[in-house]
Amino acid sequence: MSYVAYASVPSRLPGDGMEHNFEKYGTNVVNNMGLPYEYASNMHYGRYGFSINGQATMLPIYNDNGLMGQQQFVTGWDWLRANRHYNCPGAWSAPINAEELAKGTYLHEYKAEDDAALEDSPQEVVEALPQEDIVPDKVSVVEFAQ
């Protein structure tokens, strides 16, 4: 899904050689893995991405709640998108709590503590296994807090 329907780029970007970062692509090139567009994705450019003069280079068309291009947390959709990209087991089945994901609930909540983003502690140590040793019953599943 291209950003065109969700964010606007000022027609006069500074000529800094970064214009290629704002190319428009069709669905034959861009694949959002069947997931909705998300301003809060940590993979989204921020308002001032690639700016050389301090002016905005991308503006949300809809309310982004000030989260466009944030880098403090990974959203639930980000995790699911990455899992689908790498074809992880279960990634293409319905998420456990699709309603929560759709409302923008995140797998790792942002916790403000002295202006630092803290990630929830992992529940177990993850071992690096050779690819051939990974079996479905050893794959971690992240469950959403109810």
N, C-alpha and C. Protein backbone atom coordinates (compact mmCIF):
# COMPACT_ATOMS: atom_id res chain seq x y z
N MET A 1 0.85 -1.16 0.00
CA MET A 1 0.00 0.00 0.00
C MET A 1 0.90 1.23 0.00
N SER A 2 0.71 2.07 -0.96
CA SER A 2 1.52 3.27 -1.08
C SER A 2 1.06 4.33 -0.09
N TYR A 3 1.98 5.23 0.27
CA TYR A 3 1.66 6.29 1.22
C TYR A 3 0.76 7.36 0.63
N VAL A 4 0.58 7.41 -0.69
CA VAL A 4 -0.08 8.51 -1.39
C VAL A 4 -1.47 8.83 -0.82
N ALA A 5 -2.25 7.83 -0.44
CA ALA A 5 -3.60 8.07 0.07
C ALA A 5 -3.60 8.51 1.54
N TYR A 6 -2.44 8.46 2.20
CA TYR A 6 -2.38 8.72 3.63
C TYR A 6 -1.46 9.86 4.03
N ALA A 7 -0.52 10.22 3.18
CA ALA A 7 0.43 11.29 3.51
C ALA A 7 0.71 12.11 2.26
N SER A 8 0.91 13.40 2.46
CA SER A 8 1.24 14.25 1.32
C SER A 8 2.68 14.73 1.43
N VAL A 9 3.29 14.88 0.28
CA VAL A 9 4.65 15.37 0.20
C VAL A 9 4.59 16.74 -0.45
N PRO A 10 5.15 17.77 0.19
CA PRO A 10 5.13 19.10 -0.44
C PRO A 10 5.70 19.03 -1.85
N SER A 11 5.06 19.75 -2.76
CA SER A 11 5.47 19.68 -4.17
C SER A 11 6.88 20.21 -4.40
N ARG A 12 7.35 21.04 -3.50
CA ARG A 12 8.69 21.61 -3.68
C ARG A 12 9.62 21.11 -2.58
N LEU A 13 10.14 19.92 -2.78
CA LEU A 13 11.13 19.39 -1.85
C LEU A 13 12.46 20.08 -2.13
N PRO A 14 13.27 20.26 -1.10
CA PRO A 14 14.59 20.84 -1.36
C PRO A 14 15.39 19.92 -2.27
N GLY A 15 16.12 20.48 -3.20
CA GLY A 15 16.90 19.68 -4.14
C GLY A 15 18.16 19.15 -3.50
N ASP A 16 18.02 18.19 -2.62
CA ASP A 16 19.16 17.69 -1.87
C ASP A 16 19.61 16.30 -2.32
N GLY A 17 19.04 15.81 -3.42
CA GLY A 17 19.39 14.48 -3.88
C GLY A 17 18.65 13.38 -3.16
N MET A 18 17.73 13.71 -2.29
CA MET A 18 16.97 12.72 -1.53
C MET A 18 15.56 12.53 -2.07
N GLU A 19 15.25 13.14 -3.19
CA GLU A 19 13.89 13.06 -3.75
C GLU A 19 13.47 11.62 -4.02
N HIS A 20 14.44 10.74 -4.31
CA HIS A 20 14.10 9.34 -4.60
C HIS A 20 13.42 8.66 -3.41
N ASN A 21 13.62 9.18 -2.20
CA ASN A 21 12.97 8.59 -1.02
C ASN A 21 11.47 8.83 -1.00
N PHE A 22 10.97 9.69 -1.88
CA PHE A 22 9.55 10.01 -1.91
C PHE A 22 8.89 9.58 -3.20
N GLU A 23 9.52 8.65 -3.92
CA GLU A 23 8.93 8.11 -5.15
C GLU A 23 7.60 7.46 -4.81
N LYS A 24 6.69 7.49 -5.76
CA LYS A 24 5.38 6.85 -5.59
C LYS A 24 5.42 5.52 -6.34
N TYR A 25 5.02 4.45 -5.65
CA TYR A 25 5.03 3.12 -6.23
C TYR A 25 3.64 2.52 -6.18
N GLY A 26 3.35 1.67 -7.13
CA GLY A 26 2.07 0.98 -7.17
C GLY A 26 2.12 -0.30 -6.35
N THR A 27 0.99 -0.97 -6.27
CA THR A 27 0.91 -2.20 -5.49
C THR A 27 1.69 -3.35 -6.12
N ASN A 28 2.14 -3.17 -7.37
CA ASN A 28 2.99 -4.19 -7.98
C ASN A 28 4.40 -4.15 -7.38
N VAL A 29 4.75 -3.07 -6.68
CA VAL A 29 6.06 -2.92 -6.06
C VAL A 29 5.95 -2.93 -4.54
N VAL A 30 4.97 -2.20 -4.00
CA VAL A 30 4.79 -2.06 -2.56
C VAL A 30 3.79 -3.10 -2.07
N ASN A 31 4.17 -3.86 -1.05
CA ASN A 31 3.29 -4.88 -0.50
C ASN A 31 3.21 -4.68 1.01
N ASN A 32 2.04 -4.35 1.50
CA ASN A 32 1.86 -4.13 2.93
C ASN A 32 1.44 -5.41 3.66
N MET A 33 1.62 -6.53 3.00
CA MET A 33 1.36 -7.84 3.60
C MET A 33 -0.07 -8.01 4.08
N GLY A 34 -1.01 -7.37 3.39
CA GLY A 34 -2.42 -7.50 3.74
C GLY A 34 -2.81 -6.78 5.01
N LEU A 35 -1.99 -5.86 5.48
CA LEU A 35 -2.25 -5.15 6.72
C LEU A 35 -2.58 -3.69 6.43
N PRO A 36 -3.28 -3.03 7.34
CA PRO A 36 -3.66 -1.63 7.11
C PRO A 36 -2.46 -0.69 7.16
N TYR A 37 -2.64 0.48 6.55
CA TYR A 37 -1.62 1.53 6.60
C TYR A 37 -1.49 2.01 8.03
N GLU A 38 -0.28 2.31 8.46
CA GLU A 38 -0.08 2.67 9.87
C GLU A 38 0.94 3.81 10.00
N TYR A 39 0.46 4.97 10.41
CA TYR A 39 1.36 6.10 10.65
C TYR A 39 2.38 5.79 11.75
N ALA A 40 1.95 5.06 12.78
CA ALA A 40 2.81 4.82 13.95
C ALA A 40 3.85 3.74 13.72
N SER A 41 3.87 3.13 12.55
CA SER A 41 4.88 2.12 12.26
C SER A 41 6.27 2.73 12.42
N ASN A 42 7.18 1.98 13.04
CA ASN A 42 8.52 2.52 13.17
C ASN A 42 9.28 2.44 11.85
N MET A 43 8.62 1.95 10.81
CA MET A 43 9.21 1.93 9.47
C MET A 43 8.73 3.12 8.63
N HIS A 44 7.88 3.96 9.19
CA HIS A 44 7.32 5.11 8.47
C HIS A 44 8.25 6.31 8.61
N TYR A 45 8.44 7.05 7.54
CA TYR A 45 9.20 8.30 7.64
C TYR A 45 8.46 9.27 8.55
N GLY A 46 9.21 10.09 9.25
CA GLY A 46 8.62 11.14 10.07
C GLY A 46 8.36 12.39 9.24
N ARG A 47 7.76 13.37 9.86
CA ARG A 47 7.42 14.63 9.17
C ARG A 47 8.63 15.33 8.57
N TYR A 48 9.79 15.18 9.18
CA TYR A 48 10.97 15.93 8.75
C TYR A 48 12.06 15.02 8.17
N GLY A 49 11.69 13.80 7.79
CA GLY A 49 12.66 12.87 7.23
C GLY A 49 13.34 13.46 6.00
N PHE A 50 14.66 13.42 5.99
CA PHE A 50 15.50 13.89 4.87
C PHE A 50 15.44 15.40 4.67
N SER A 51 14.91 16.14 5.62
CA SER A 51 14.83 17.59 5.49
C SER A 51 16.21 18.20 5.67
N ILE A 52 16.54 19.16 4.81
CA ILE A 52 17.81 19.87 4.96
C ILE A 52 17.60 21.31 5.40
N ASN A 53 16.33 21.74 5.43
CA ASN A 53 16.04 23.13 5.80
C ASN A 53 15.09 23.24 6.99
N GLY A 54 14.81 22.13 7.66
CA GLY A 54 13.94 22.16 8.83
C GLY A 54 12.45 22.18 8.53
N GLN A 55 12.09 22.17 7.24
CA GLN A 55 10.68 22.14 6.87
C GLN A 55 10.21 20.70 6.72
N ALA A 56 8.91 20.51 6.94
CA ALA A 56 8.33 19.17 6.82
C ALA A 56 8.48 18.64 5.40
N THR A 57 8.79 17.36 5.31
CA THR A 57 8.89 16.71 4.00
C THR A 57 7.72 15.76 3.76
N MET A 58 6.95 15.45 4.80
CA MET A 58 5.79 14.57 4.67
C MET A 58 4.77 14.96 5.73
N LEU A 59 3.52 15.09 5.32
CA LEU A 59 2.45 15.48 6.25
C LEU A 59 1.33 14.45 6.19
N PRO A 60 0.78 14.07 7.36
CA PRO A 60 -0.32 13.10 7.36
C PRO A 60 -1.59 13.74 6.80
N ILE A 61 -2.35 12.98 6.04
CA ILE A 61 -3.64 13.45 5.53
C ILE A 61 -4.70 13.29 6.62
N TYR A 62 -4.61 12.21 7.39
CA TYR A 62 -5.54 11.96 8.49
C TYR A 62 -4.81 12.19 9.81
N ASN A 63 -5.55 12.21 10.91
CA ASN A 63 -4.95 12.41 12.22
C ASN A 63 -4.01 11.25 12.53
N ASP A 64 -2.77 11.57 12.80
CA ASP A 64 -1.79 10.54 13.15
C ASP A 64 -1.48 10.51 14.64
N ASN A 65 -2.21 11.31 15.42
CA ASN A 65 -2.00 11.40 16.87
C ASN A 65 -0.55 11.72 17.22
N GLY A 66 0.14 12.40 16.34
CA GLY A 66 1.52 12.79 16.59
C GLY A 66 2.51 11.64 16.54
N LEU A 67 2.10 10.50 15.97
CA LEU A 67 2.95 9.31 15.99
C LEU A 67 3.66 9.00 14.68
N MET A 68 3.40 9.75 13.62
CA MET A 68 4.00 9.42 12.33
C MET A 68 5.53 9.43 12.42
N GLY A 69 6.13 8.31 12.10
CA GLY A 69 7.58 8.20 12.09
C GLY A 69 8.21 8.01 13.46
N GLN A 70 7.41 7.69 14.49
CA GLN A 70 7.97 7.51 15.83
C GLN A 70 8.98 6.36 15.82
N GLN A 71 9.93 6.42 16.71
CA GLN A 71 10.97 5.39 16.81
C GLN A 71 11.09 4.81 18.22
N GLN A 72 10.06 5.02 19.07
CA GLN A 72 10.14 4.56 20.45
C GLN A 72 9.70 3.11 20.65
N PHE A 73 8.87 2.59 19.76
CA PHE A 73 8.36 1.24 19.95
C PHE A 73 8.03 0.60 18.61
N VAL A 74 7.92 -0.70 18.64
CA VAL A 74 7.51 -1.48 17.47
C VAL A 74 6.05 -1.81 17.67
N THR A 75 5.22 -1.53 16.68
CA THR A 75 3.79 -1.77 16.83
C THR A 75 3.45 -3.24 16.57
N GLY A 76 2.25 -3.61 16.97
CA GLY A 76 1.77 -4.96 16.68
C GLY A 76 1.75 -5.26 15.20
N TRP A 77 1.32 -4.28 14.41
CA TRP A 77 1.30 -4.48 12.96
C TRP A 77 2.73 -4.61 12.42
N ASP A 78 3.70 -3.88 12.97
CA ASP A 78 5.10 -4.02 12.54
C ASP A 78 5.58 -5.46 12.74
N TRP A 79 5.30 -6.00 13.93
CA TRP A 79 5.71 -7.38 14.21
C TRP A 79 5.06 -8.35 13.23
N LEU A 80 3.76 -8.18 13.04
CA LEU A 80 3.05 -9.09 12.15
C LEU A 80 3.54 -8.93 10.71
N ARG A 81 3.80 -7.70 10.28
CA ARG A 81 4.31 -7.45 8.93
C ARG A 81 5.67 -8.13 8.74
N ALA A 82 6.56 -8.02 9.72
CA ALA A 82 7.87 -8.67 9.63
C ALA A 82 7.72 -10.19 9.62
N ASN A 83 6.83 -10.72 10.47
CA ASN A 83 6.61 -12.16 10.48
C ASN A 83 6.08 -12.66 9.14
N ARG A 84 5.20 -11.89 8.52
CA ARG A 84 4.67 -12.28 7.21
C ARG A 84 5.75 -12.17 6.14
N HIS A 85 6.56 -11.13 6.22
CA HIS A 85 7.63 -10.95 5.23
C HIS A 85 8.56 -12.16 5.23
N TYR A 86 8.88 -12.67 6.41
CA TYR A 86 9.79 -13.81 6.52
C TYR A 86 9.04 -15.14 6.58
N ASN A 87 7.72 -15.09 6.34
CA ASN A 87 6.89 -16.29 6.27
C ASN A 87 7.02 -17.15 7.53
N CYS A 88 6.97 -16.52 8.69
CA CYS A 88 7.06 -17.23 9.96
C CYS A 88 5.81 -18.09 10.17
N PRO A 89 5.95 -19.19 10.90
CA PRO A 89 4.79 -20.04 11.15
C PRO A 89 3.65 -19.26 11.81
N GLY A 90 2.45 -19.42 11.28
CA GLY A 90 1.26 -18.78 11.83
C GLY A 90 1.08 -17.33 11.45
N ALA A 91 2.04 -16.74 10.74
CA ALA A 91 1.96 -15.31 10.43
C ALA A 91 0.79 -14.97 9.52
N TRP A 92 0.36 -15.90 8.70
CA TRP A 92 -0.71 -15.61 7.75
C TRP A 92 -2.08 -16.04 8.26
N SER A 93 -2.13 -16.68 9.44
CA SER A 93 -3.43 -16.98 10.03
C SER A 93 -3.88 -15.74 10.81
N ALA A 94 -5.12 -15.72 11.22
CA ALA A 94 -5.65 -14.54 11.92
C ALA A 94 -4.88 -14.32 13.22
N PRO A 95 -4.51 -13.06 13.52
CA PRO A 95 -3.84 -12.80 14.79
C PRO A 95 -4.74 -13.16 15.96
N ILE A 96 -4.15 -13.44 17.10
CA ILE A 96 -4.90 -13.83 18.29
C ILE A 96 -5.94 -12.79 18.66
N ASN A 97 -5.57 -11.53 18.60
CA ASN A 97 -6.45 -10.45 19.02
C ASN A 97 -6.52 -9.38 17.93
N ALA A 98 -7.11 -9.70 16.80
CA ALA A 98 -7.15 -8.78 15.67
C ALA A 98 -7.81 -7.46 16.03
N GLU A 99 -8.82 -7.50 16.90
CA GLU A 99 -9.51 -6.27 17.28
C GLU A 99 -8.56 -5.31 18.00
N GLU A 100 -7.73 -5.85 18.88
CA GLU A 100 -6.77 -5.01 19.61
C GLU A 100 -5.74 -4.42 18.66
N LEU A 101 -5.25 -5.24 17.72
CA LEU A 101 -4.29 -4.72 16.75
C LEU A 101 -4.92 -3.61 15.93
N ALA A 102 -6.16 -3.80 15.52
CA ALA A 102 -6.84 -2.80 14.69
C ALA A 102 -7.04 -1.49 15.45
N LYS A 103 -7.18 -1.55 16.77
CA LYS A 103 -7.35 -0.34 17.57
C LYS A 103 -6.02 0.35 17.84
N GLY A 104 -4.92 -0.27 17.43
CA GLY A 104 -3.61 0.35 17.63
C GLY A 104 -2.95 -0.04 18.93
N THR A 105 -3.36 -1.15 19.52
CA THR A 105 -2.71 -1.63 20.73
C THR A 105 -1.40 -2.28 20.33
N TYR A 106 -0.36 -2.00 21.05
CA TYR A 106 0.96 -2.44 20.65
C TYR A 106 1.41 -3.64 21.46
N LEU A 107 2.24 -4.48 20.87
CA LEU A 107 2.77 -5.63 21.57
C LEU A 107 3.66 -5.20 22.74
N HIS A 108 4.47 -4.19 22.51
CA HIS A 108 5.33 -3.66 23.55
C HIS A 108 4.88 -2.23 23.78
N GLU A 109 4.32 -1.98 24.93
CA GLU A 109 3.78 -0.65 25.21
C GLU A 109 4.90 0.34 25.45
N TYR A 110 4.65 1.57 25.09
CA TYR A 110 5.58 2.65 25.37
C TYR A 110 5.40 3.04 26.83
N LYS A 111 6.46 3.01 27.58
CA LYS A 111 6.40 3.36 29.00
C LYS A 111 7.33 4.54 29.23
N ALA A 112 6.74 5.68 29.50
CA ALA A 112 7.55 6.88 29.72
C ALA A 112 8.16 6.83 31.11
N GLU A 113 9.45 6.84 31.18
CA GLU A 113 10.15 6.87 32.45
C GLU A 113 11.41 7.70 32.24
N ASP A 114 11.39 8.91 32.74
CA ASP A 114 12.49 9.85 32.51
C ASP A 114 12.76 10.02 31.02
N ASP A 115 11.68 10.14 30.24
CA ASP A 115 11.76 10.33 28.80
C ASP A 115 12.50 9.21 28.07
N ALA A 116 12.48 8.02 28.63
CA ALA A 116 13.12 6.88 27.96
C ALA A 116 12.06 5.85 27.63
N ALA A 117 12.18 5.24 26.49
CA ALA A 117 11.24 4.19 26.10
C ALA A 117 11.80 2.86 26.59
N LEU A 118 11.01 2.15 27.37
CA LEU A 118 11.44 0.87 27.90
C LEU A 118 10.61 -0.23 27.26
N GLU A 119 11.26 -1.29 26.85
CA GLU A 119 10.54 -2.41 26.27
C GLU A 119 10.24 -3.41 27.38
N ASP A 120 9.10 -4.07 27.28
CA ASP A 120 8.77 -5.10 28.26
C ASP A 120 9.87 -6.14 28.28
N SER A 121 10.19 -6.65 29.46
CA SER A 121 11.24 -7.66 29.57
C SER A 121 10.80 -8.95 28.89
N PRO A 122 11.72 -9.62 28.21
CA PRO A 122 11.36 -10.89 27.58
C PRO A 122 11.03 -11.92 28.65
N GLN A 123 10.15 -12.84 28.32
CA GLN A 123 9.73 -13.84 29.29
C GLN A 123 10.70 -15.01 29.35
N GLU A 124 11.47 -15.20 28.32
CA GLU A 124 12.41 -16.31 28.30
C GLU A 124 13.61 -15.93 27.43
N VAL A 125 14.70 -16.64 27.62
CA VAL A 125 15.88 -16.39 26.81
C VAL A 125 15.68 -17.08 25.47
N VAL A 126 15.97 -16.37 24.41
CA VAL A 126 15.83 -16.93 23.07
C VAL A 126 17.20 -17.39 22.61
N GLU A 127 17.30 -18.66 22.24
CA GLU A 127 18.57 -19.21 21.79
C GLU A 127 18.66 -19.11 20.28
N ALA A 128 19.87 -18.88 19.79
CA ALA A 128 20.09 -18.88 18.34
C ALA A 128 20.25 -20.34 17.91
N LEU A 129 19.35 -20.81 17.08
CA LEU A 129 19.40 -22.18 16.58
C LEU A 129 19.68 -22.18 15.09
N PRO A 130 20.41 -23.16 14.60
CA PRO A 130 20.56 -23.26 13.15
C PRO A 130 19.17 -23.44 12.53
N GLN A 131 18.98 -22.93 11.33
CA GLN A 131 17.66 -22.96 10.68
C GLN A 131 17.05 -24.35 10.65
N GLU A 132 17.85 -25.37 10.38
CA GLU A 132 17.29 -26.72 10.27
C GLU A 132 16.79 -27.27 11.61
N ASP A 133 17.23 -26.68 12.74
CA ASP A 133 16.81 -27.15 14.05
C ASP A 133 15.55 -26.47 14.56
N ILE A 134 15.06 -25.47 13.85
CA ILE A 134 13.88 -24.76 14.31
C ILE A 134 12.64 -25.57 13.92
N VAL A 135 11.86 -25.92 14.92
CA VAL A 135 10.63 -26.65 14.68
C VAL A 135 9.48 -25.85 15.28
N PRO A 136 8.26 -26.02 14.76
CA PRO A 136 7.13 -25.19 15.22
C PRO A 136 6.93 -25.15 16.73
N ASP A 137 7.18 -26.24 17.46
CA ASP A 137 6.94 -26.20 18.90
C ASP A 137 8.00 -25.41 19.66
N LYS A 138 9.07 -24.97 18.98
CA LYS A 138 10.09 -24.15 19.62
C LYS A 138 9.95 -22.68 19.25
N VAL A 139 8.96 -22.34 18.44
CA VAL A 139 8.75 -20.96 18.03
C VAL A 139 7.98 -20.23 19.12
N SER A 140 8.48 -19.08 19.52
CA SER A 140 7.81 -18.28 20.56
C SER A 140 6.57 -17.62 19.99
N VAL A 141 5.53 -17.57 20.77
CA VAL A 141 4.30 -16.89 20.39
C VAL A 141 4.09 -15.76 21.38
N VAL A 142 3.90 -14.56 20.86
CA VAL A 142 3.65 -13.41 21.72
C VAL A 142 2.15 -13.27 21.89
N GLU A 143 1.68 -13.31 23.12
CA GLU A 143 0.25 -13.14 23.38
C GLU A 143 -0.01 -11.72 23.83
N PHE A 144 -1.17 -11.22 23.52
CA PHE A 144 -1.54 -9.85 23.86
C PHE A 144 -2.14 -9.81 25.25
N ALA A 145 -1.81 -8.75 25.98
CA ALA A 145 -2.40 -8.56 27.30
C ALA A 145 -3.88 -8.25 27.14
N GLN A 146 -4.68 -8.81 27.98
CA GLN A 146 -6.13 -8.61 27.88
C GLN A 146 -6.58 -7.50 28.78
